[in-house]
Amino acid sequence: MPLAYYSRAATEAFWAEHWAGHDTSDLVEIARTSPLTAIIEAALPASGRILEAGCGLGQYVVLMRERGRSATGADWSLDALRRCRAAAPDTPLAAMDLACLAIASGRVDAYVSLGVVEHDPAGPDRVLAEAARVLAPRGRLILSVPYWNGVRKVGAIPLRRQGRRIRAAGGDFYQYAFSRGEVRTALQAHGFRVLSFHPYDPARMLRPFLRQLAGRGTLSAGGGGPAPTPGRDVSVLRRVLYSGPVLRMCAHMLLAVAERA
């Protein structure tokens, strides 16, 4: 059973406020060197039409088109789409309900959805069914959701108890976190064959600890060692964070790569 989080419902107003603190151009620059980008690009087919469903400010649509891909973005937040269009006027974007896309069946070769389906309190089935409909046979699905990782599993009982308290106090459903098995089961139910899983974004959960280390100088000077070398420190830290054990325990998100039958 997925782990449910409660706080505020992920409505259109919520996303308008969320994206107000971000800028498309800045997000494109971050995406250029993100480990997630390398995973996505390796999973995409060599050619064909790409849909990013739930594109938000559209940084991945912009970046994929810069790199020669035929990419289009869809989202229900008009504000986010307007802001993307203002930053990159030629970006093809459309306002759509992801559970009822205005796209003919089998017309998409790759469907990318990053941190979207977990926000439906009824679960991901409606969106996944529509993704299967618009994808061509053997089309590629690249989907990410919050990961029910090792740390969350250890803390499952208090996390569920906390969720019940927030809900009883009037909090709304916000999102689910899923295990690998739950993602696999959901995808297989809609005719997808899972090819691989990729946990990512371990820094999100470790951020308080990393800030503490940075405050003590541990990350840069080794507690009184040689002068800081930020480039080397960042490279070493990234290798540690993206090692298998750390990802299994602490990765905030899980990306699945699957193929439509």
Protein backbone atom coordinates (compact mmCIF):
# COMPACT_ATOMS: atom_id res chain seq x y z
CA MET A 1 0.00 0.00 0.00
CA PRO A 2 1.55 3.36 -1.00
CA LEU A 3 2.61 5.78 1.71
CA ALA A 4 0.22 8.78 1.73
CA TYR A 5 1.24 12.31 2.64
CA TYR A 6 -1.19 15.03 3.72
CA SER A 7 -0.81 18.79 3.86
CA ARG A 8 -2.36 20.77 1.04
CA ALA A 9 -4.08 19.45 -2.09
CA ALA A 10 -2.02 19.78 -5.29
CA THR A 11 -4.58 21.98 -7.06
CA GLU A 12 -3.94 24.38 -9.93
CA ALA A 13 -3.67 27.22 -7.40
CA PHE A 14 -1.09 25.23 -5.45
CA TRP A 15 1.07 24.74 -8.55
CA ALA A 16 0.75 28.39 -9.56
CA GLU A 17 2.16 29.36 -6.16
CA HIS A 18 4.81 26.64 -6.31
CA TRP A 19 6.11 27.63 -9.74
CA ALA A 20 6.05 31.33 -8.84
CA GLY A 21 9.30 30.77 -6.97
CA HIS A 22 11.08 29.33 -10.02
CA ASP A 23 12.21 30.48 -13.45
CA THR A 24 12.23 28.40 -16.65
CA SER A 25 15.67 29.60 -17.76
CA ASP A 26 17.22 28.78 -14.39
CA LEU A 27 15.62 25.33 -14.37
CA VAL A 28 16.94 24.63 -17.89
CA GLU A 29 20.47 25.44 -16.69
CA ILE A 30 20.07 23.08 -13.73
CA ALA A 31 18.72 20.34 -16.03
CA ARG A 32 21.75 20.59 -18.33
CA THR A 33 24.02 18.96 -15.75
CA SER A 34 21.51 17.05 -13.61
CA PRO A 35 22.10 13.30 -13.19
CA LEU A 36 18.38 12.89 -13.91
CA THR A 37 18.82 14.36 -17.39
CA ALA A 38 21.42 11.75 -18.28
CA ILE A 39 19.06 8.96 -17.15
CA ILE A 40 16.17 10.38 -19.20
CA GLU A 41 18.25 10.83 -22.35
CA ALA A 42 19.61 7.29 -22.12
CA ALA A 43 16.05 5.95 -21.83
CA LEU A 44 14.54 7.90 -24.73
CA PRO A 45 14.22 6.28 -28.17
CA ALA A 46 16.64 7.50 -30.82
CA SER A 47 13.92 9.50 -32.57
CA GLY A 48 10.20 10.20 -32.58
CA ARG A 49 7.62 12.39 -30.87
CA ILE A 50 8.05 13.03 -27.15
CA LEU A 51 5.31 14.22 -24.81
CA GLU A 52 6.15 15.53 -21.36
CA ALA A 53 2.92 15.15 -19.43
CA GLY A 54 2.83 17.50 -16.47
CA CYS A 55 5.69 19.64 -17.80
CA GLY A 56 5.29 22.51 -15.30
CA LEU A 57 7.59 25.35 -16.40
CA GLY A 58 8.73 23.20 -19.30
CA GLN A 59 12.47 23.07 -18.71
CA TYR A 60 12.80 19.54 -20.06
CA VAL A 61 10.71 20.33 -23.13
CA VAL A 62 12.95 23.34 -23.83
CA LEU A 63 16.14 21.35 -23.24
CA MET A 64 15.06 18.36 -25.35
CA ARG A 65 14.17 20.65 -28.26
CA GLU A 66 17.53 22.42 -27.95
CA ARG A 67 19.11 18.99 -28.34
CA GLY A 68 17.19 18.20 -31.51
CA ARG A 69 14.25 16.27 -30.06
CA SER A 70 10.64 16.63 -31.20
CA ALA A 71 9.18 17.40 -27.76
CA THR A 72 5.86 18.87 -26.65
CA GLY A 73 4.68 19.77 -23.16
CA ALA A 74 1.24 19.39 -21.59
CA ASP A 75 0.10 20.64 -18.19
CA TRP A 76 -3.10 21.76 -16.50
CA SER A 77 -1.49 24.90 -15.02
CA LEU A 78 -2.10 27.76 -17.44
CA ASP A 79 0.15 30.00 -15.37
CA ALA A 80 3.10 27.59 -15.69
CA LEU A 81 2.57 27.23 -19.44
CA ARG A 82 2.40 31.01 -19.91
CA ARG A 83 5.64 31.47 -18.01
CA CYS A 84 7.37 28.80 -20.10
CA ARG A 85 6.08 30.38 -23.30
CA ALA A 86 7.37 33.78 -22.16
CA ALA A 87 10.86 32.34 -21.57
CA ALA A 88 10.91 30.18 -24.72
CA PRO A 89 8.25 31.48 -27.17
CA ASP A 90 8.62 28.71 -29.75
CA THR A 91 8.05 25.86 -27.28
CA PRO A 92 4.97 23.76 -28.23
CA LEU A 93 2.74 23.58 -25.16
CA ALA A 94 -0.87 22.69 -24.48
CA ALA A 95 -3.23 22.84 -21.51
CA MET A 96 -4.64 19.35 -21.04
CA ASP A 97 -6.14 17.00 -18.49
CA LEU A 98 -3.56 14.20 -18.34
CA ALA A 99 -6.34 11.65 -17.83
CA CYS A 100 -8.02 12.77 -21.06
CA LEU A 101 -5.40 13.92 -23.54
CA ALA A 102 -6.41 15.58 -26.79
CA ILE A 103 -4.01 13.31 -28.69
CA ALA A 104 -4.88 10.50 -31.10
CA SER A 105 -4.14 6.96 -29.99
CA GLY A 106 -0.65 5.66 -30.73
CA ARG A 107 0.76 9.02 -31.82
CA VAL A 108 3.51 9.42 -29.21
CA ASP A 109 6.84 7.58 -29.23
CA ALA A 110 7.94 8.56 -25.73
CA TYR A 111 5.93 9.74 -22.73
CA VAL A 112 7.80 11.51 -19.95
CA SER A 113 6.13 12.24 -16.60
CA LEU A 114 8.22 13.48 -13.69
CA GLY A 115 6.59 13.71 -10.29
CA VAL A 116 2.97 13.89 -11.46
CA VAL A 117 0.86 10.75 -10.98
CA GLU A 118 1.44 10.59 -7.23
CA HIS A 119 -0.82 13.62 -6.67
CA ASP A 120 -4.07 11.86 -7.63
CA PRO A 121 -5.77 10.60 -4.44
CA ALA A 122 -7.43 7.85 -6.53
CA GLY A 123 -4.01 6.59 -7.58
CA PRO A 124 -2.10 6.65 -10.90
CA ASP A 125 -4.41 4.42 -12.95
CA ARG A 126 -6.31 7.06 -14.91
CA VAL A 127 -3.15 8.81 -16.07
CA LEU A 128 -1.33 5.56 -16.82
CA ALA A 129 -4.26 4.27 -18.88
CA GLU A 130 -4.16 7.43 -20.98
CA ALA A 131 -0.39 7.21 -21.34
CA ALA A 132 -0.79 3.67 -22.69
CA ARG A 133 -3.45 4.87 -25.14
CA VAL A 134 -1.40 7.68 -26.70
CA LEU A 135 1.87 5.71 -26.87
CA ALA A 136 2.72 3.80 -30.03
CA PRO A 137 3.42 0.05 -29.73
CA ARG A 138 6.84 -0.37 -28.09
CA GLY A 139 6.71 3.30 -27.14
CA ARG A 140 8.80 4.29 -24.14
CA LEU A 141 7.38 5.46 -20.81
CA ILE A 142 9.67 7.40 -18.45
CA LEU A 143 7.88 7.98 -15.17
CA SER A 144 9.03 9.20 -11.78
CA VAL A 145 7.28 9.20 -8.40
CA PRO A 146 8.32 9.75 -4.77
CA TYR A 147 10.22 6.66 -3.63
CA TRP A 148 9.24 4.62 -0.60
CA ASN A 149 12.92 4.13 0.14
CA GLY A 150 14.73 2.40 2.97
CA VAL A 151 14.52 5.33 5.37
CA ARG A 152 10.80 5.79 4.75
CA LYS A 153 10.19 2.06 5.22
CA VAL A 154 11.98 2.13 8.57
CA GLY A 155 9.85 5.10 9.60
CA ALA A 156 6.60 3.87 8.03
CA ILE A 157 4.64 3.55 11.27
CA PRO A 158 5.34 7.08 12.57
CA LEU A 159 4.93 8.52 9.06
CA ARG A 160 1.48 6.94 8.69
CA ARG A 161 0.56 8.09 12.20
CA GLN A 162 1.64 11.62 11.36
CA GLY A 163 -0.41 11.52 8.15
CA ARG A 164 -3.51 10.48 10.06
CA ARG A 165 -3.03 13.35 12.52
CA ILE A 166 -2.66 15.92 9.73
CA ARG A 167 -5.71 14.55 7.93
CA ALA A 168 -7.80 14.60 11.14
CA ALA A 169 -6.77 18.24 11.65
CA GLY A 170 -8.13 19.17 8.22
CA GLY A 171 -5.13 18.50 6.00
CA ASP A 172 -5.73 17.45 2.41
CA PHE A 173 -4.18 14.59 0.49
CA TYR A 174 -0.96 15.73 -1.18
CA GLN A 175 0.84 12.72 -2.65
CA TYR A 176 1.82 9.07 -2.42
CA ALA A 177 5.27 7.51 -2.18
CA PHE A 178 5.61 4.15 -3.97
CA SER A 179 7.88 1.14 -3.64
CA ARG A 180 9.44 -0.46 -6.73
CA GLY A 181 6.97 -3.33 -6.49
CA GLU A 182 3.99 -0.97 -6.40
CA VAL A 183 5.23 0.94 -9.44
CA ARG A 184 5.87 -2.29 -11.33
CA THR A 185 2.39 -3.62 -10.52
CA ALA A 186 0.70 -0.36 -11.60
CA LEU A 187 2.59 -0.28 -14.90
CA GLN A 188 2.01 -3.94 -15.71
CA ALA A 189 -1.72 -3.46 -15.11
CA HIS A 190 -1.75 -1.06 -18.08
CA GLY A 191 0.28 -3.20 -20.45
CA PHE A 192 3.76 -1.85 -19.75
CA ARG A 193 6.91 -3.94 -19.41
CA VAL A 194 9.31 -2.42 -16.90
CA LEU A 195 12.85 -2.19 -18.27
CA SER A 196 14.68 -0.52 -15.37
CA PHE A 197 14.40 1.50 -12.17
CA HIS A 198 16.55 4.49 -11.25
CA PRO A 199 16.36 6.06 -7.78
CA TYR A 200 17.48 9.69 -7.77
CA ASP A 201 17.64 12.95 -5.79
CA PRO A 202 19.18 11.63 -2.55
CA ALA A 203 20.23 15.14 -1.51
CA ARG A 204 16.59 16.11 -0.84
CA MET A 205 16.31 13.87 2.20
CA LEU A 206 19.89 14.45 3.36
CA ARG A 207 19.80 18.26 2.98
CA PRO A 208 19.66 19.08 6.74
CA PHE A 209 22.64 16.79 7.37
CA LEU A 210 24.57 18.23 4.41
CA ARG A 211 23.92 21.78 5.60
CA GLN A 212 25.27 20.83 9.00
CA LEU A 213 28.44 19.41 7.47
CA ALA A 214 28.88 22.48 5.28
CA GLY A 215 28.46 24.73 8.33
CA ARG A 216 31.25 22.88 10.11
CA GLY A 217 33.50 23.08 7.06
CA THR A 218 33.59 19.28 6.81
CA LEU A 219 32.74 19.21 3.13
CA SER A 220 35.38 21.69 2.07
CA ALA A 221 38.40 21.66 4.34
CA GLY A 222 38.14 18.32 6.10
CA GLY A 223 37.92 19.90 9.56
CA GLY A 224 41.15 21.94 9.37
CA GLY A 225 42.83 20.23 6.43
CA PRO A 226 44.04 21.80 3.17
CA ALA A 227 42.36 24.70 1.44
CA PRO A 228 38.85 24.02 0.01
CA THR A 229 38.52 22.68 -3.51
CA PRO A 230 34.80 23.14 -4.28
CA GLY A 231 34.85 21.42 -7.65
CA ARG A 232 36.51 18.32 -6.24
CA ASP A 233 34.27 18.32 -3.16
CA VAL A 234 31.10 18.51 -5.24
CA SER A 235 32.29 15.71 -7.52
CA VAL A 236 33.16 13.44 -4.58
CA LEU A 237 29.90 14.24 -2.81
CA ARG A 238 27.87 13.48 -5.93
CA ARG A 239 29.59 10.09 -6.35
CA VAL A 240 28.81 9.23 -2.73
CA LEU A 241 25.19 10.38 -2.94
CA TYR A 242 24.60 8.43 -6.16
CA SER A 243 26.15 5.20 -4.91
CA GLY A 244 23.81 2.20 -4.78
CA PRO A 245 23.41 1.90 -1.00
CA VAL A 246 22.70 5.63 -0.50
CA LEU A 247 20.16 5.66 -3.34
CA ARG A 248 18.31 2.63 -1.99
CA MET A 249 18.07 4.19 1.46
CA CYS A 250 17.71 7.90 0.76
CA ALA A 251 16.68 8.66 -2.85
CA HIS A 252 13.65 10.96 -2.76
CA MET A 253 12.38 9.90 -6.19
CA LEU A 254 12.20 6.71 -8.25
CA LEU A 255 12.25 6.79 -12.04
CA ALA A 256 10.87 3.81 -13.99
CA VAL A 257 11.61 3.13 -17.64
CA ALA A 258 8.99 0.94 -19.32
CA GLU A 259 7.86 -0.13 -22.78
CA ARG A 260 4.30 -0.36 -24.06
CA ALA A 261 3.38 -3.80 -25.35
